[in-house]
Amino acid sequence: MNPSEKYWLTRLESCAKALTKNGFSAIVVDRIEDAANAAAEIIEKLAPRTIGYADSRTMHRSGILNVIRQDDRRTLIDGFDPSKERAENLLTRRQALLSDLFLTGANAVTEKGELVWLDMIGNRIAAVAFGPEHVLLFIGRNKLTPDLESARQRIKTLAAPMNALAHATFKTPCRTTARCHDCNSPDRICNGWLILEKCFPKERIAVILINEDLGY
C-alpha cells in the first residue's frame, strides 16, 4: 500500500470508529468494487422487498443498481429515470420514502462521525432522516472533513457548484463562475440541509467508506 492510500485508510478507519460510536454501522473498503460487494451482502442479510434510490454518482458507478434490477426478489424504486417525465419521477421519489431500504450517498462526513447533506427538493434527506426501515450510504474519501463548518464549506464551494455544472438545464450563477453566490435562481440546488450527529434507531443507517475519490 502506497503512502497516500495508507494515509487515507488511517483517516477513514478513525472516521468509521467515530460513526460507530454515534450509532451508525460503518465499514471501510479499498475500492468501489469492494463497496458493491459489501452492499450486496448487506442487502442479502436485510432481505428488503423494495429498495429506494436517490441519485448518487458513486452508487451508480458501483454497479450495485444493476445487481438489484436483475434480482427478481427486489423492486428498485428509481426516481431518476431519464426516460420518464419529471412529474412521474417526482411521484416515484415519494414512493421511495416508504421503501424497506434506501440507497444514496452523502455530501460530507466529518471526522467526528457526523453526516451532512444539502438538497434541492429534499427527497434524499427526507428518506435518510425518516421513512425507510434501513439506509445504506456509499461515501468516498474525498467527502471527509475535519468538522461541521468545513463540511458546510466543502458542500457550498465544491460539491454544489460541481453538481450544478453536471446539469446542463440548470441556470445558476455557479455554473458560470464555479463559485457559490447564495443565489435566488429558480434552479437553485441548495435549499435544505440535513445534519445527523447520531443514528436512531441504532444502526438503521449503514455507511460504507471507500478509499477512493468518488462523486462530488
Foldseek 3Di string as FASTA:
>chain_A
DDPLLVVLVVLQVLLQVLQVVQQAAEDEDAALLVVLVVVVVVCVVLQWAEEEEDDAQSVVVSCNVVVQVPDPSHHYQQLPDPVDDNVVSVVSLVVNLQGQEYEYEFQAAESNNKTKHFFQPCSVVSSVVDRHQAYEYEAESVRYDHDDVVNVVCCQQPQQLVVQCVDPPADDVCVVVSHHPVDPGPRRTGDDMDMGNHDPPRHSYYYYYYSHDGHD
